[in-house]
Amino acid sequence: MSGPSSVFALLDGVRALPVVAIDNVEDAVPLADALAEGGLPAIEVTLRTAAAFDAIAKLQKERPKLLIGAGTVVTGAQMKTCAALGVRFAISPGLTPALLEVAHELKMPYLPGTATASDVMAGIQHGWSEFKFFPAEAAGGVAMLKSWAGPFPDLRFCPTGGINAQNADAYLALPNVVMVGSSSMMPASSLKAKDWADIARRSRAFTDALDNITAC
């Protein structure tokens, strides 16, 4: 059993989830369009900015086919706001019993964040088998996930944090990794310049690299 419903089933076939922080609501749609043009059909809008909820609402209205999730969900109140907006899934940097309980109540597909075996065990106690692994590179990277496969063979992860087109293949080669989260296709310079063409190009390069993994 995962949680109330499976994030990985919802995002079936998605191997890279762009993790975005939107400062200006008017950037939401062109940014999402650039990512989609690059082969990324789902998006995690982090709640790190004052514009996040408004950006989510705009995307829900103008791009209804987009799979929109909320990231950096750290309180139950934020989770409830996400549900009210119709967010498809939620992701947190860490794990708390309170957030797991709210996700159950709301039937929200949810990836709690884990960085230690204790985090994972707490999630298991609440019925979860799908997790975010964060910050992936800083918390042990591929070696940590390989180690967890022994005591936790039935769990699946989305590692996020320090992942790019150059190291994504090492993560996706692991049997307990379903997808990776990354913001590497959206450098700060391109976002500031609103260079959507560059972001689309970088997104395509990222997804092409993943296609090469499959081809191999």
N, C-alpha and C. Protein backbone atom coordinates (compact mmCIF):
# COMPACT_ATOMS: atom_id res chain seq x y z
N MET A 1 0.85 -1.20 0.00
CA MET A 1 0.00 0.00 0.00
C MET A 1 0.88 1.24 0.00
N SER A 2 0.55 2.20 -0.82
CA SER A 2 1.32 3.45 -0.80
C SER A 2 0.62 4.41 0.12
N GLY A 3 0.04 5.45 -0.39
CA GLY A 3 -0.77 6.33 0.42
C GLY A 3 -2.19 6.19 -0.05
N PRO A 4 -2.96 7.25 0.05
CA PRO A 4 -4.34 7.19 -0.42
C PRO A 4 -4.42 6.90 -1.91
N SER A 5 -3.43 7.32 -2.68
CA SER A 5 -3.32 6.93 -4.08
C SER A 5 -1.89 7.17 -4.52
N SER A 6 -1.53 6.56 -5.64
CA SER A 6 -0.14 6.51 -6.04
C SER A 6 0.26 7.67 -6.93
N VAL A 7 1.29 8.40 -6.53
CA VAL A 7 1.84 9.46 -7.38
C VAL A 7 2.45 8.85 -8.63
N PHE A 8 3.16 7.74 -8.45
CA PHE A 8 3.85 7.14 -9.60
C PHE A 8 2.87 6.56 -10.61
N ALA A 9 1.71 6.09 -10.15
CA ALA A 9 0.69 5.64 -11.09
C ALA A 9 0.09 6.83 -11.83
N LEU A 10 -0.14 7.92 -11.12
CA LEU A 10 -0.67 9.13 -11.73
C LEU A 10 0.27 9.65 -12.81
N LEU A 11 1.57 9.60 -12.52
CA LEU A 11 2.59 10.11 -13.43
C LEU A 11 3.21 8.98 -14.23
N ASP A 12 2.43 7.99 -14.56
CA ASP A 12 2.93 6.82 -15.28
C ASP A 12 3.66 7.23 -16.56
N GLY A 13 4.89 6.77 -16.70
CA GLY A 13 5.68 7.08 -17.88
C GLY A 13 6.53 8.32 -17.74
N VAL A 14 6.28 9.13 -16.71
CA VAL A 14 7.08 10.34 -16.49
C VAL A 14 8.36 9.95 -15.75
N ARG A 15 9.49 10.25 -16.33
CA ARG A 15 10.76 9.89 -15.70
C ARG A 15 11.52 11.09 -15.16
N ALA A 16 11.10 12.29 -15.57
CA ALA A 16 11.75 13.51 -15.07
C ALA A 16 10.67 14.52 -14.71
N LEU A 17 10.72 15.01 -13.48
CA LEU A 17 9.75 15.98 -13.00
C LEU A 17 10.46 17.32 -12.78
N PRO A 18 10.13 18.33 -13.58
CA PRO A 18 10.76 19.64 -13.37
C PRO A 18 10.27 20.29 -12.09
N VAL A 19 11.21 20.76 -11.28
CA VAL A 19 10.91 21.38 -9.99
C VAL A 19 11.09 22.88 -10.16
N VAL A 20 9.97 23.63 -10.13
CA VAL A 20 10.04 25.05 -10.50
C VAL A 20 9.63 25.94 -9.34
N ALA A 21 10.26 27.11 -9.29
CA ALA A 21 9.87 28.17 -8.36
C ALA A 21 9.47 29.37 -9.21
N ILE A 22 8.21 29.76 -9.14
CA ILE A 22 7.68 30.82 -10.00
C ILE A 22 7.52 32.10 -9.19
N ASP A 23 8.27 33.13 -9.57
CA ASP A 23 8.20 34.41 -8.87
C ASP A 23 7.11 35.32 -9.43
N ASN A 24 6.83 35.18 -10.71
CA ASN A 24 5.85 36.04 -11.38
C ASN A 24 4.77 35.18 -12.01
N VAL A 25 3.53 35.43 -11.66
CA VAL A 25 2.42 34.62 -12.15
C VAL A 25 2.38 34.58 -13.67
N GLU A 26 2.72 35.68 -14.30
CA GLU A 26 2.64 35.73 -15.76
C GLU A 26 3.65 34.81 -16.44
N ASP A 27 4.65 34.35 -15.68
CA ASP A 27 5.64 33.43 -16.24
C ASP A 27 5.16 31.98 -16.22
N ALA A 28 4.10 31.68 -15.49
CA ALA A 28 3.70 30.29 -15.26
C ALA A 28 3.39 29.55 -16.55
N VAL A 29 2.54 30.13 -17.38
CA VAL A 29 2.12 29.44 -18.60
C VAL A 29 3.25 29.30 -19.61
N PRO A 30 3.99 30.38 -19.94
CA PRO A 30 5.08 30.18 -20.91
C PRO A 30 6.16 29.23 -20.41
N LEU A 31 6.42 29.22 -19.10
CA LEU A 31 7.39 28.28 -18.56
C LEU A 31 6.90 26.85 -18.71
N ALA A 32 5.64 26.60 -18.33
CA ALA A 32 5.08 25.26 -18.47
C ALA A 32 5.05 24.82 -19.93
N ASP A 33 4.75 25.74 -20.82
CA ASP A 33 4.73 25.42 -22.25
C ASP A 33 6.12 25.05 -22.75
N ALA A 34 7.14 25.76 -22.27
CA ALA A 34 8.51 25.45 -22.68
C ALA A 34 8.93 24.07 -22.19
N LEU A 35 8.56 23.74 -20.98
CA LEU A 35 8.88 22.42 -20.43
C LEU A 35 8.16 21.33 -21.21
N ALA A 36 6.88 21.57 -21.51
CA ALA A 36 6.11 20.58 -22.27
C ALA A 36 6.69 20.40 -23.67
N GLU A 37 7.11 21.50 -24.29
CA GLU A 37 7.72 21.42 -25.61
C GLU A 37 8.98 20.56 -25.58
N GLY A 38 9.65 20.59 -24.43
CA GLY A 38 10.85 19.79 -24.26
C GLY A 38 10.58 18.37 -23.82
N GLY A 39 9.32 17.97 -23.75
CA GLY A 39 8.98 16.60 -23.43
C GLY A 39 8.70 16.33 -21.97
N LEU A 40 8.36 17.38 -21.22
CA LEU A 40 8.10 17.23 -19.78
C LEU A 40 6.63 17.58 -19.51
N PRO A 41 5.75 16.60 -19.41
CA PRO A 41 4.30 16.84 -19.33
C PRO A 41 3.75 17.07 -17.93
N ALA A 42 4.61 16.99 -16.92
CA ALA A 42 4.18 17.22 -15.54
C ALA A 42 5.10 18.27 -14.93
N ILE A 43 4.59 18.95 -13.90
CA ILE A 43 5.36 20.03 -13.30
C ILE A 43 5.11 20.07 -11.79
N GLU A 44 6.17 20.30 -11.04
CA GLU A 44 6.06 20.51 -9.59
C GLU A 44 6.32 21.98 -9.30
N VAL A 45 5.27 22.70 -8.92
CA VAL A 45 5.39 24.11 -8.58
C VAL A 45 5.66 24.20 -7.08
N THR A 46 6.84 24.62 -6.71
CA THR A 46 7.18 24.66 -5.29
C THR A 46 6.51 25.86 -4.62
N LEU A 47 6.16 25.68 -3.37
CA LEU A 47 5.51 26.74 -2.60
C LEU A 47 6.54 27.62 -1.90
N ARG A 48 7.61 27.93 -2.61
CA ARG A 48 8.70 28.74 -2.05
C ARG A 48 8.51 30.22 -2.32
N THR A 49 7.55 30.57 -3.17
CA THR A 49 7.38 31.97 -3.54
C THR A 49 5.96 32.43 -3.23
N ALA A 50 5.81 33.73 -3.11
CA ALA A 50 4.49 34.30 -2.82
C ALA A 50 3.52 34.09 -3.98
N ALA A 51 4.06 33.87 -5.18
CA ALA A 51 3.21 33.73 -6.36
C ALA A 51 2.77 32.28 -6.61
N ALA A 52 3.23 31.34 -5.79
CA ALA A 52 3.06 29.92 -6.11
C ALA A 52 1.59 29.52 -6.28
N PHE A 53 0.74 29.83 -5.31
CA PHE A 53 -0.66 29.40 -5.39
C PHE A 53 -1.38 30.06 -6.56
N ASP A 54 -1.10 31.34 -6.80
CA ASP A 54 -1.72 32.02 -7.94
C ASP A 54 -1.24 31.42 -9.26
N ALA A 55 0.03 31.04 -9.30
CA ALA A 55 0.58 30.42 -10.50
C ALA A 55 -0.08 29.06 -10.75
N ILE A 56 -0.28 28.31 -9.69
CA ILE A 56 -0.96 27.01 -9.82
C ILE A 56 -2.38 27.21 -10.34
N ALA A 57 -3.08 28.18 -9.77
CA ALA A 57 -4.45 28.44 -10.19
C ALA A 57 -4.50 28.84 -11.67
N LYS A 58 -3.55 29.63 -12.10
CA LYS A 58 -3.50 30.07 -13.51
C LYS A 58 -3.25 28.87 -14.42
N LEU A 59 -2.33 28.02 -14.03
CA LEU A 59 -2.04 26.83 -14.83
C LEU A 59 -3.24 25.89 -14.88
N GLN A 60 -3.93 25.75 -13.75
CA GLN A 60 -5.11 24.88 -13.72
C GLN A 60 -6.15 25.38 -14.72
N LYS A 61 -6.29 26.68 -14.81
CA LYS A 61 -7.30 27.28 -15.69
C LYS A 61 -6.89 27.23 -17.16
N GLU A 62 -5.63 27.58 -17.44
CA GLU A 62 -5.20 27.76 -18.82
C GLU A 62 -4.54 26.53 -19.44
N ARG A 63 -4.07 25.61 -18.62
CA ARG A 63 -3.46 24.39 -19.13
C ARG A 63 -4.04 23.19 -18.36
N PRO A 64 -5.34 22.92 -18.54
CA PRO A 64 -6.02 21.89 -17.73
C PRO A 64 -5.49 20.48 -17.94
N LYS A 65 -4.82 20.23 -19.05
CA LYS A 65 -4.29 18.89 -19.31
C LYS A 65 -2.93 18.65 -18.66
N LEU A 66 -2.32 19.71 -18.18
CA LEU A 66 -1.02 19.61 -17.53
C LEU A 66 -1.16 18.91 -16.18
N LEU A 67 -0.25 18.01 -15.88
CA LEU A 67 -0.23 17.34 -14.58
C LEU A 67 0.51 18.25 -13.60
N ILE A 68 -0.25 18.94 -12.77
CA ILE A 68 0.31 19.96 -11.89
C ILE A 68 0.36 19.47 -10.45
N GLY A 69 1.56 19.49 -9.88
CA GLY A 69 1.73 19.15 -8.48
C GLY A 69 2.31 20.33 -7.72
N ALA A 70 2.21 20.27 -6.41
CA ALA A 70 2.79 21.30 -5.54
C ALA A 70 3.95 20.70 -4.76
N GLY A 71 5.05 21.43 -4.72
CA GLY A 71 6.20 20.99 -3.96
C GLY A 71 6.47 21.89 -2.77
N THR A 72 7.40 21.48 -1.93
CA THR A 72 7.74 22.21 -0.70
C THR A 72 6.48 22.42 0.16
N VAL A 73 5.65 21.39 0.22
CA VAL A 73 4.47 21.42 1.09
C VAL A 73 4.94 21.03 2.49
N VAL A 74 4.84 21.97 3.43
CA VAL A 74 5.40 21.72 4.76
C VAL A 74 4.36 21.82 5.88
N THR A 75 3.12 22.23 5.56
CA THR A 75 2.08 22.31 6.58
C THR A 75 0.79 21.69 6.07
N GLY A 76 -0.04 21.28 7.01
CA GLY A 76 -1.35 20.75 6.64
C GLY A 76 -2.21 21.79 5.95
N ALA A 77 -2.09 23.05 6.37
CA ALA A 77 -2.87 24.11 5.75
C ALA A 77 -2.50 24.26 4.27
N GLN A 78 -1.22 24.16 3.96
CA GLN A 78 -0.80 24.21 2.55
C GLN A 78 -1.37 23.04 1.77
N MET A 79 -1.35 21.86 2.37
CA MET A 79 -1.89 20.68 1.71
C MET A 79 -3.38 20.87 1.40
N LYS A 80 -4.11 21.45 2.34
CA LYS A 80 -5.55 21.67 2.14
C LYS A 80 -5.80 22.71 1.05
N THR A 81 -4.96 23.74 0.99
CA THR A 81 -5.09 24.73 -0.08
C THR A 81 -4.81 24.08 -1.43
N CYS A 82 -3.82 23.21 -1.48
CA CYS A 82 -3.51 22.48 -2.72
C CYS A 82 -4.72 21.67 -3.18
N ALA A 83 -5.34 20.98 -2.24
CA ALA A 83 -6.51 20.16 -2.58
C ALA A 83 -7.65 21.04 -3.10
N ALA A 84 -7.85 22.19 -2.46
CA ALA A 84 -8.92 23.09 -2.88
C ALA A 84 -8.68 23.63 -4.29
N LEU A 85 -7.41 23.78 -4.66
CA LEU A 85 -7.07 24.28 -5.99
C LEU A 85 -7.13 23.18 -7.05
N GLY A 86 -7.28 21.95 -6.62
CA GLY A 86 -7.31 20.85 -7.57
C GLY A 86 -5.95 20.33 -7.98
N VAL A 87 -4.94 20.60 -7.15
CA VAL A 87 -3.60 20.10 -7.42
C VAL A 87 -3.64 18.57 -7.49
N ARG A 88 -2.93 17.99 -8.47
CA ARG A 88 -3.02 16.56 -8.70
C ARG A 88 -2.18 15.74 -7.72
N PHE A 89 -1.08 16.33 -7.24
CA PHE A 89 -0.22 15.61 -6.30
C PHE A 89 0.58 16.62 -5.49
N ALA A 90 1.11 16.17 -4.35
CA ALA A 90 1.89 17.04 -3.47
C ALA A 90 3.19 16.35 -3.09
N ILE A 91 4.21 17.17 -2.85
CA ILE A 91 5.54 16.66 -2.50
C ILE A 91 6.12 17.53 -1.40
N SER A 92 6.81 16.90 -0.45
CA SER A 92 7.43 17.63 0.65
C SER A 92 8.92 17.36 0.70
N PRO A 93 9.69 18.28 1.27
CA PRO A 93 11.13 18.03 1.44
C PRO A 93 11.42 17.07 2.58
N GLY A 94 10.46 16.92 3.48
CA GLY A 94 10.62 16.02 4.61
C GLY A 94 9.33 15.26 4.88
N LEU A 95 9.29 14.62 6.04
CA LEU A 95 8.14 13.77 6.40
C LEU A 95 7.71 14.07 7.82
N THR A 96 6.40 14.30 8.01
CA THR A 96 5.85 14.42 9.35
C THR A 96 4.57 13.58 9.42
N PRO A 97 4.28 12.98 10.57
CA PRO A 97 3.03 12.22 10.70
C PRO A 97 1.81 13.08 10.40
N ALA A 98 1.84 14.36 10.78
CA ALA A 98 0.69 15.23 10.55
C ALA A 98 0.40 15.38 9.06
N LEU A 99 1.44 15.57 8.25
CA LEU A 99 1.23 15.71 6.82
C LEU A 99 0.73 14.41 6.19
N LEU A 100 1.24 13.30 6.66
CA LEU A 100 0.77 12.01 6.15
C LEU A 100 -0.72 11.82 6.46
N GLU A 101 -1.11 12.22 7.65
CA GLU A 101 -2.52 12.08 8.04
C GLU A 101 -3.42 12.98 7.19
N VAL A 102 -2.98 14.21 6.94
CA VAL A 102 -3.78 15.13 6.11
C VAL A 102 -3.89 14.59 4.69
N ALA A 103 -2.80 14.06 4.16
CA ALA A 103 -2.83 13.48 2.81
C ALA A 103 -3.81 12.33 2.74
N HIS A 104 -3.85 11.50 3.78
CA HIS A 104 -4.83 10.41 3.85
C HIS A 104 -6.25 10.97 3.84
N GLU A 105 -6.48 11.94 4.67
CA GLU A 105 -7.82 12.52 4.78
C GLU A 105 -8.30 13.11 3.46
N LEU A 106 -7.39 13.77 2.75
CA LEU A 106 -7.73 14.45 1.51
C LEU A 106 -7.66 13.53 0.30
N LYS A 107 -7.15 12.29 0.51
CA LYS A 107 -6.90 11.37 -0.59
C LYS A 107 -5.99 12.01 -1.64
N MET A 108 -5.01 12.74 -1.16
CA MET A 108 -4.06 13.44 -2.02
C MET A 108 -2.87 12.53 -2.35
N PRO A 109 -2.61 12.25 -3.62
CA PRO A 109 -1.38 11.56 -3.98
C PRO A 109 -0.19 12.38 -3.47
N TYR A 110 0.69 11.74 -2.72
CA TYR A 110 1.67 12.50 -1.94
C TYR A 110 2.98 11.76 -1.82
N LEU A 111 4.09 12.48 -2.10
CA LEU A 111 5.43 11.96 -1.88
C LEU A 111 6.07 12.71 -0.72
N PRO A 112 6.14 12.09 0.47
CA PRO A 112 6.86 12.71 1.57
C PRO A 112 8.36 12.58 1.34
N GLY A 113 9.10 13.55 1.83
CA GLY A 113 10.55 13.53 1.65
C GLY A 113 11.24 12.66 2.69
N THR A 114 12.29 11.97 2.26
CA THR A 114 13.07 11.12 3.16
C THR A 114 14.56 11.34 2.91
N ALA A 115 15.32 11.33 3.98
CA ALA A 115 16.77 11.41 3.85
C ALA A 115 17.47 10.36 4.70
N THR A 116 16.70 9.68 5.57
CA THR A 116 17.26 8.66 6.45
C THR A 116 16.36 7.44 6.48
N ALA A 117 16.91 6.34 6.96
CA ALA A 117 16.11 5.12 7.11
C ALA A 117 14.98 5.33 8.11
N SER A 118 15.21 6.16 9.10
CA SER A 118 14.15 6.45 10.08
C SER A 118 12.97 7.16 9.42
N ASP A 119 13.26 8.09 8.50
CA ASP A 119 12.19 8.75 7.75
C ASP A 119 11.36 7.70 7.00
N VAL A 120 12.06 6.83 6.32
CA VAL A 120 11.38 5.79 5.53
C VAL A 120 10.51 4.92 6.42
N MET A 121 11.03 4.52 7.56
CA MET A 121 10.27 3.65 8.46
C MET A 121 9.03 4.35 9.01
N ALA A 122 9.15 5.65 9.28
CA ALA A 122 7.98 6.40 9.73
C ALA A 122 6.91 6.42 8.66
N GLY A 123 7.32 6.59 7.41
CA GLY A 123 6.37 6.57 6.31
C GLY A 123 5.71 5.22 6.14
N ILE A 124 6.48 4.16 6.26
CA ILE A 124 5.94 2.81 6.15
C ILE A 124 4.85 2.59 7.20
N GLN A 125 5.08 3.08 8.42
CA GLN A 125 4.11 2.90 9.50
C GLN A 125 2.77 3.53 9.18
N HIS A 126 2.79 4.55 8.30
CA HIS A 126 1.54 5.23 7.91
C HIS A 126 1.00 4.70 6.58
N GLY A 127 1.61 3.65 6.06
CA GLY A 127 1.08 3.03 4.85
C GLY A 127 1.72 3.47 3.55
N TRP A 128 2.80 4.22 3.62
CA TRP A 128 3.42 4.72 2.38
C TRP A 128 4.47 3.75 1.85
N SER A 129 4.58 3.67 0.54
CA SER A 129 5.68 2.92 -0.08
C SER A 129 6.34 3.73 -1.19
N GLU A 130 5.92 4.98 -1.37
CA GLU A 130 6.49 5.87 -2.37
C GLU A 130 6.98 7.14 -1.68
N PHE A 131 8.22 7.52 -2.01
CA PHE A 131 8.84 8.64 -1.31
C PHE A 131 9.68 9.49 -2.24
N LYS A 132 9.86 10.73 -1.85
CA LYS A 132 10.90 11.57 -2.41
C LYS A 132 12.18 11.28 -1.62
N PHE A 133 13.32 11.27 -2.28
CA PHE A 133 14.61 11.16 -1.60
C PHE A 133 15.31 12.50 -1.79
N PHE A 134 15.47 13.24 -0.69
CA PHE A 134 15.97 14.61 -0.77
C PHE A 134 16.78 14.97 0.46
N PRO A 135 17.86 15.74 0.27
CA PRO A 135 18.49 16.15 -0.98
C PRO A 135 19.37 15.02 -1.52
N ALA A 136 19.05 14.51 -2.66
CA ALA A 136 19.60 13.24 -3.13
C ALA A 136 21.13 13.21 -3.12
N GLU A 137 21.76 14.12 -3.83
CA GLU A 137 23.22 14.07 -3.92
C GLU A 137 23.87 14.29 -2.57
N ALA A 138 23.34 15.22 -1.78
CA ALA A 138 23.94 15.53 -0.48
C ALA A 138 23.67 14.44 0.55
N ALA A 139 22.60 13.68 0.36
CA ALA A 139 22.20 12.68 1.35
C ALA A 139 22.70 11.27 1.04
N GLY A 140 23.62 11.15 0.10
CA GLY A 140 24.20 9.84 -0.17
C GLY A 140 23.99 9.34 -1.58
N GLY A 141 23.13 10.01 -2.33
CA GLY A 141 23.00 9.72 -3.75
C GLY A 141 22.65 8.30 -4.09
N VAL A 142 23.21 7.85 -5.20
CA VAL A 142 22.94 6.50 -5.71
C VAL A 142 23.33 5.44 -4.69
N ALA A 143 24.44 5.64 -4.01
CA ALA A 143 24.91 4.65 -3.03
C ALA A 143 23.89 4.45 -1.90
N MET A 144 23.27 5.55 -1.45
CA MET A 144 22.27 5.44 -0.39
C MET A 144 21.06 4.65 -0.87
N LEU A 145 20.58 4.95 -2.06
CA LEU A 145 19.41 4.25 -2.58
C LEU A 145 19.71 2.77 -2.80
N LYS A 146 20.92 2.46 -3.24
CA LYS A 146 21.32 1.05 -3.36
C LYS A 146 21.28 0.36 -2.00
N SER A 147 21.75 1.06 -0.98
CA SER A 147 21.76 0.49 0.37
C SER A 147 20.35 0.25 0.88
N TRP A 148 19.42 1.18 0.58
CA TRP A 148 18.04 1.03 1.05
C TRP A 148 17.31 -0.11 0.37
N ALA A 149 17.76 -0.51 -0.82
CA ALA A 149 17.07 -1.59 -1.54
C ALA A 149 17.10 -2.90 -0.76
N GLY A 150 18.11 -3.08 0.10
CA GLY A 150 18.18 -4.30 0.90
C GLY A 150 17.08 -4.39 1.94
N PRO A 151 17.04 -3.47 2.91
CA PRO A 151 16.01 -3.54 3.95
C PRO A 151 14.63 -3.09 3.49
N PHE A 152 14.55 -2.34 2.38
CA PHE A 152 13.26 -1.82 1.91
C PHE A 152 13.03 -2.18 0.45
N PRO A 153 12.94 -3.46 0.13
CA PRO A 153 12.90 -3.89 -1.27
C PRO A 153 11.65 -3.47 -2.03
N ASP A 154 10.56 -3.17 -1.32
CA ASP A 154 9.30 -2.86 -1.99
C ASP A 154 9.04 -1.36 -2.15
N LEU A 155 9.97 -0.53 -1.71
CA LEU A 155 9.75 0.91 -1.76
C LEU A 155 10.27 1.49 -3.08
N ARG A 156 9.66 2.60 -3.49
CA ARG A 156 10.06 3.27 -4.72
C ARG A 156 10.28 4.76 -4.43
N PHE A 157 11.21 5.37 -5.16
CA PHE A 157 11.65 6.72 -4.84
C PHE A 157 11.71 7.64 -6.06
N CYS A 158 11.57 8.94 -5.77
CA CYS A 158 11.88 10.00 -6.72
C CYS A 158 12.99 10.84 -6.11
N PRO A 159 14.24 10.58 -6.45
CA PRO A 159 15.33 11.40 -5.91
C PRO A 159 15.33 12.79 -6.53
N THR A 160 15.58 13.78 -5.70
CA THR A 160 15.61 15.18 -6.13
C THR A 160 16.70 15.89 -5.35
N GLY A 161 17.40 16.80 -6.02
CA GLY A 161 18.45 17.56 -5.34
C GLY A 161 19.80 17.25 -5.94
N GLY A 162 20.27 18.13 -6.82
CA GLY A 162 21.57 17.94 -7.45
C GLY A 162 21.54 17.01 -8.65
N ILE A 163 20.36 16.72 -9.18
CA ILE A 163 20.25 15.79 -10.31
C ILE A 163 20.14 16.57 -11.61
N ASN A 164 20.89 16.12 -12.61
CA ASN A 164 20.90 16.76 -13.91
C ASN A 164 21.00 15.71 -15.01
N ALA A 165 21.11 16.16 -16.25
CA ALA A 165 21.14 15.22 -17.37
C ALA A 165 22.37 14.32 -17.33
N GLN A 166 23.41 14.75 -16.63
CA GLN A 166 24.64 13.96 -16.59
C GLN A 166 24.58 12.83 -15.57
N ASN A 167 23.84 12.99 -14.49
CA ASN A 167 23.82 11.92 -13.48
C ASN A 167 22.47 11.24 -13.34
N ALA A 168 21.45 11.70 -14.08
CA ALA A 168 20.12 11.09 -13.96
C ALA A 168 20.14 9.60 -14.31
N ASP A 169 21.00 9.23 -15.26
CA ASP A 169 21.00 7.83 -15.70
C ASP A 169 21.40 6.88 -14.57
N ALA A 170 22.32 7.32 -13.72
CA ALA A 170 22.75 6.46 -12.62
C ALA A 170 21.61 6.20 -11.65
N TYR A 171 20.77 7.21 -11.43
CA TYR A 171 19.61 7.03 -10.56
C TYR A 171 18.53 6.17 -11.21
N LEU A 172 18.22 6.48 -12.46
CA LEU A 172 17.13 5.76 -13.12
C LEU A 172 17.48 4.31 -13.42
N ALA A 173 18.76 3.97 -13.36
CA ALA A 173 19.17 2.57 -13.54
C ALA A 173 18.84 1.72 -12.32
N LEU A 174 18.55 2.37 -11.18
CA LEU A 174 18.24 1.63 -9.96
C LEU A 174 16.82 1.10 -10.00
N PRO A 175 16.59 -0.12 -9.56
CA PRO A 175 15.24 -0.69 -9.60
C PRO A 175 14.25 -0.01 -8.66
N ASN A 176 14.76 0.71 -7.64
CA ASN A 176 13.84 1.37 -6.71
C ASN A 176 13.62 2.84 -7.04
N VAL A 177 14.07 3.29 -8.20
CA VAL A 177 13.85 4.67 -8.65
C VAL A 177 12.89 4.68 -9.83
N VAL A 178 11.81 5.43 -9.70
CA VAL A 178 10.79 5.52 -10.75
C VAL A 178 11.02 6.75 -11.63
N MET A 179 11.38 7.86 -11.00
CA MET A 179 11.61 9.11 -11.72
C MET A 179 12.58 9.96 -10.92
N VAL A 180 13.06 11.03 -11.54
CA VAL A 180 13.92 11.97 -10.85
C VAL A 180 13.30 13.36 -10.91
N GLY A 181 13.58 14.17 -9.92
CA GLY A 181 13.18 15.57 -9.93
C GLY A 181 14.39 16.44 -10.20
N SER A 182 14.21 17.49 -11.00
CA SER A 182 15.35 18.33 -11.34
C SER A 182 14.88 19.72 -11.73
N SER A 183 15.72 20.71 -11.47
CA SER A 183 15.48 22.06 -11.96
C SER A 183 16.61 22.49 -12.90
N SER A 184 17.45 21.54 -13.27
CA SER A 184 18.65 21.87 -14.06
C SER A 184 18.33 22.39 -15.46
N MET A 185 17.13 22.08 -15.97
CA MET A 185 16.76 22.57 -17.30
C MET A 185 16.26 24.02 -17.27
N MET A 186 16.25 24.60 -16.07
CA MET A 186 15.77 25.97 -15.91
C MET A 186 16.79 26.81 -15.15
N PRO A 187 17.94 27.12 -15.75
CA PRO A 187 18.93 27.93 -15.04
C PRO A 187 18.38 29.31 -14.70
N ALA A 188 18.86 29.87 -13.63
CA ALA A 188 18.36 31.17 -13.15
C ALA A 188 18.48 32.24 -14.22
N SER A 189 19.55 32.19 -15.02
CA SER A 189 19.76 33.20 -16.05
C SER A 189 18.65 33.14 -17.11
N SER A 190 18.25 31.94 -17.48
CA SER A 190 17.20 31.79 -18.48
C SER A 190 15.84 32.22 -17.94
N LEU A 191 15.59 31.89 -16.67
CA LEU A 191 14.33 32.31 -16.05
C LEU A 191 14.26 33.83 -15.95
N LYS A 192 15.35 34.45 -15.53
CA LYS A 192 15.37 35.90 -15.38
C LYS A 192 15.15 36.59 -16.72
N ALA A 193 15.75 36.02 -17.78
CA ALA A 193 15.63 36.61 -19.11
C ALA A 193 14.34 36.20 -19.82
N LYS A 194 13.56 35.32 -19.17
CA LYS A 194 12.34 34.77 -19.79
C LYS A 194 12.67 34.14 -21.14
N ASP A 195 13.79 33.43 -21.17
CA ASP A 195 14.25 32.79 -22.40
C ASP A 195 13.61 31.40 -22.48
N TRP A 196 12.36 31.39 -22.86
CA TRP A 196 11.60 30.13 -22.89
C TRP A 196 12.15 29.17 -23.93
N ALA A 197 12.68 29.70 -25.03
CA ALA A 197 13.26 28.84 -26.06
C ALA A 197 14.46 28.07 -25.51
N ASP A 198 15.26 28.74 -24.70
CA ASP A 198 16.42 28.07 -24.10
C ASP A 198 15.98 26.98 -23.14
N ILE A 199 14.95 27.28 -22.36
CA ILE A 199 14.45 26.28 -21.41
C ILE A 199 13.85 25.09 -22.16
N ALA A 200 13.15 25.34 -23.26
CA ALA A 200 12.62 24.25 -24.07
C ALA A 200 13.76 23.40 -24.63
N ARG A 201 14.82 24.06 -25.08
CA ARG A 201 15.97 23.34 -25.63
C ARG A 201 16.64 22.49 -24.55
N ARG A 202 16.84 23.08 -23.39
CA ARG A 202 17.47 22.33 -22.30
C ARG A 202 16.59 21.17 -21.84
N SER A 203 15.28 21.39 -21.83
CA SER A 203 14.36 20.32 -21.45
C SER A 203 14.43 19.17 -22.44
N ARG A 204 14.48 19.50 -23.73
CA ARG A 204 14.59 18.46 -24.74
C ARG A 204 15.89 17.70 -24.61
N ALA A 205 16.98 18.41 -24.32
CA ALA A 205 18.27 17.74 -24.12
C ALA A 205 18.20 16.77 -22.94
N PHE A 206 17.50 17.20 -21.88
CA PHE A 206 17.34 16.34 -20.71
C PHE A 206 16.55 15.09 -21.06
N THR A 207 15.41 15.27 -21.72
CA THR A 207 14.58 14.11 -22.05
C THR A 207 15.25 13.22 -23.10
N ASP A 208 16.00 13.82 -24.01
CA ASP A 208 16.75 13.00 -24.99
C ASP A 208 17.77 12.14 -24.28
N ALA A 209 18.41 12.69 -23.24
CA ALA A 209 19.38 11.91 -22.48
C ALA A 209 18.71 10.72 -21.80
N LEU A 210 17.48 10.93 -21.31
CA LEU A 210 16.74 9.83 -20.70
C LEU A 210 16.35 8.80 -21.74
N ASP A 211 16.00 9.25 -22.94
CA ASP A 211 15.68 8.31 -24.02
C ASP A 211 16.88 7.46 -24.37
N ASN A 212 18.05 8.04 -24.30
CA ASN A 212 19.27 7.28 -24.59
C ASN A 212 19.52 6.22 -23.53
N ILE A 213 19.11 6.52 -22.28
CA ILE A 213 19.22 5.52 -21.21
C ILE A 213 18.39 4.30 -21.58
N THR A 214 17.15 4.54 -22.01
CA THR A 214 16.26 3.44 -22.37
C THR A 214 16.80 2.67 -23.55
N ALA A 215 17.34 3.42 -24.54
CA ALA A 215 17.86 2.77 -25.74
C ALA A 215 19.01 1.84 -25.43
N CYS A 216 19.80 2.22 -24.43
CA CYS A 216 20.94 1.38 -24.05
C CYS A 216 20.47 0.11 -23.35
